[in-house]
C-alpha cells in the first residue's frame, strides 16, 4: 500500500489516512520527496515499545526525563 503523506489532501485531513495506516500498515516506511526515509509508527502500543527501546534513541538526553537520564548511562 502507498500513501501520499505530503499531499495537500493529506495535510488538510490526515485522520482517515492514519486510521487506514493503523489497520493496514501500522509501521510504515515512506520515502519523502527529498529521498529521506521516514518510519511512521501509528499504533499506541507500537509507539510505546519504540520509545522504551534504547536501540531507537539517538540521544537519551532528548528522550528521558532528568530523573531517569542517569540510569541510562549505568
C-alpha atoms as a PDB file:
ATOM      1  CA  UNK A   1       0.000   0.000   0.000  1.00  0.00           C
ATOM      2  CA  UNK A   2       1.180   3.538  -0.683  1.00  0.00           C
ATOM      3  CA  UNK A   3       0.172   6.798   0.964  1.00  0.00           C
ATOM      4  CA  UNK A   4       0.823  10.329  -0.288  1.00  0.00           C
ATOM      5  CA  UNK A   5       1.797  11.805   3.060  1.00  0.00           C
ATOM      6  CA  UNK A   6       3.000  15.078   1.580  1.00  0.00           C
ATOM      7  CA  UNK A   7      -0.109  15.912  -0.446  1.00  0.00           C
ATOM      8  CA  UNK A   8      -2.391  18.870   0.232  1.00  0.00           C
ATOM      9  CA  UNK A   9      -5.291  16.476   0.787  1.00  0.00           C
ATOM     10  CA  UNK A  10      -3.417  14.554   3.463  1.00  0.00           C
ATOM     11  CA  UNK A  11      -2.278  17.727   5.208  1.00  0.00           C
ATOM     12  CA  UNK A  12      -5.829  19.103   5.190  1.00  0.00           C
ATOM     13  CA  UNK A  13      -7.294  15.951   6.748  1.00  0.00           C
ATOM     14  CA  UNK A  14      -4.812  13.258   7.823  1.00  0.00           C
ATOM     15  CA  UNK A  15      -7.207  11.377  10.122  1.00  0.00           C
ATOM     16  CA  UNK A  16      -8.697   8.920   7.618  1.00  0.00           C
ATOM     17  CA  UNK A  17      -5.247   8.072   6.272  1.00  0.00           C
ATOM     18  CA  UNK A  18      -3.832   7.476   9.735  1.00  0.00           C
ATOM     19  CA  UNK A  19      -6.821   5.258  10.594  1.00  0.00           C
ATOM     20  CA  UNK A  20      -6.173   3.204   7.449  1.00  0.00           C
ATOM     21  CA  UNK A  21      -2.460   3.012   8.235  1.00  0.00           C
ATOM     22  CA  UNK A  22      -3.228   1.729  11.756  1.00  0.00           C
ATOM     23  CA  UNK A  23      -5.422  -1.002  10.228  1.00  0.00           C
ATOM     24  CA  UNK A  24      -3.339  -1.950   7.186  1.00  0.00           C
ATOM     25  CA  UNK A  25       0.302  -0.977   7.858  1.00  0.00           C
ATOM     26  CA  UNK A  26       0.783   0.221  11.433  1.00  0.00           C
ATOM     27  CA  UNK A  27       4.539   0.533  10.889  1.00  0.00           C
ATOM     28  CA  UNK A  28       5.071   2.156   7.527  1.00  0.00           C
ATOM     29  CA  UNK A  29       8.286   3.107   5.722  1.00  0.00           C
ATOM     30  CA  UNK A  30       7.818   6.142   3.492  1.00  0.00           C
ATOM     31  CA  UNK A  31      10.214   7.897   1.150  1.00  0.00           C
ATOM     32  CA  UNK A  32       9.932  11.682   1.388  1.00  0.00           C
ATOM     33  CA  UNK A  33      10.128  13.850  -1.727  1.00  0.00           C
ATOM     34  CA  UNK A  34      13.758  14.684  -0.859  1.00  0.00           C
ATOM     35  CA  UNK A  35      14.651  10.981  -0.668  1.00  0.00           C
ATOM     36  CA  UNK A  36      14.789  10.648   3.120  1.00  0.00           C
ATOM     37  CA  UNK A  37      13.247   7.520   4.582  1.00  0.00           C
ATOM     38  CA  UNK A  38      10.696   8.109   7.337  1.00  0.00           C
ATOM     39  CA  UNK A  39       9.176   5.450   9.554  1.00  0.00           C
ATOM     40  CA  UNK A  40       5.585   6.101  10.647  1.00  0.00           C
ATOM     41  CA  UNK A  41       4.510   4.200  13.757  1.00  0.00           C
ATOM     42  CA  UNK A  42       0.761   4.656  14.122  1.00  0.00           C
ATOM     43  CA  UNK A  43      -0.464   2.361  16.907  1.00  0.00           C
ATOM     44  CA  UNK A  44      -0.109   3.368  20.541  1.00  0.00           C
ATOM     45  CA  UNK A  45       1.330   0.037  21.724  1.00  0.00           C
ATOM     46  CA  UNK A  46       3.971   0.128  18.973  1.00  0.00           C
ATOM     47  CA  UNK A  47       4.893   3.743  19.737  1.00  0.00           C
ATOM     48  CA  UNK A  48       5.335   2.899  23.424  1.00  0.00           C
ATOM     49  CA  UNK A  49       7.503  -0.108  22.540  1.00  0.00           C
ATOM     50  CA  UNK A  50       9.739   2.004  20.285  1.00  0.00           C
ATOM     51  CA  UNK A  51      10.078   4.778  22.857  1.00  0.00           C
ATOM     52  CA  UNK A  52      11.074   2.286  25.567  1.00  0.00           C
ATOM     53  CA  UNK A  53      13.630   0.511  23.369  1.00  0.00           C
ATOM     54  CA  UNK A  54      17.072   2.097  23.673  1.00  0.00           C
ATOM     55  CA  UNK A  55      18.044   0.963  20.176  1.00  0.00           C
ATOM     56  CA  UNK A  56      15.743   3.639  18.750  1.00  0.00           C
ATOM     57  CA  UNK A  57      17.024   6.563  20.810  1.00  0.00           C
ATOM     58  CA  UNK A  58      19.663   8.666  19.117  1.00  0.00           C
ATOM     59  CA  UNK A  59      20.377  10.762  22.208  1.00  0.00           C
ATOM     60  CA  UNK A  60      18.900   9.744  25.592  1.00  0.00           C
ATOM     61  CA  UNK A  61      19.078  13.369  26.793  1.00  0.00           C
ATOM     62  CA  UNK A  62      16.225  14.123  24.391  1.00  0.00           C
ATOM     63  CA  UNK A  63      14.147  11.055  25.251  1.00  0.00           C
ATOM     64  CA  UNK A  64      14.292  10.684  29.024  1.00  0.00           C
ATOM     65  CA  UNK A  65      13.204  12.837  31.961  1.00  0.00           C
ATOM     66  CA  UNK A  66      16.104  14.147  34.067  1.00  0.00           C
ATOM     67  CA  UNK A  67      15.494  11.689  36.919  1.00  0.00           C
ATOM     68  CA  UNK A  68      15.832   8.707  34.550  1.00  0.00           C
ATOM     69  CA  UNK A  69      18.751  10.048  32.499  1.00  0.00           C
ATOM     70  CA  UNK A  70      21.449   8.937  34.977  1.00  0.00           C
ATOM     71  CA  UNK A  71      20.133   5.352  34.859  1.00  0.00           C
ATOM     72  CA  UNK A  72      20.589   5.190  31.072  1.00  0.00           C
ATOM     73  CA  UNK A  73      24.368   5.599  31.395  1.00  0.00           C
ATOM     74  CA  UNK A  74      24.847   2.980  34.150  1.00  0.00           C
END
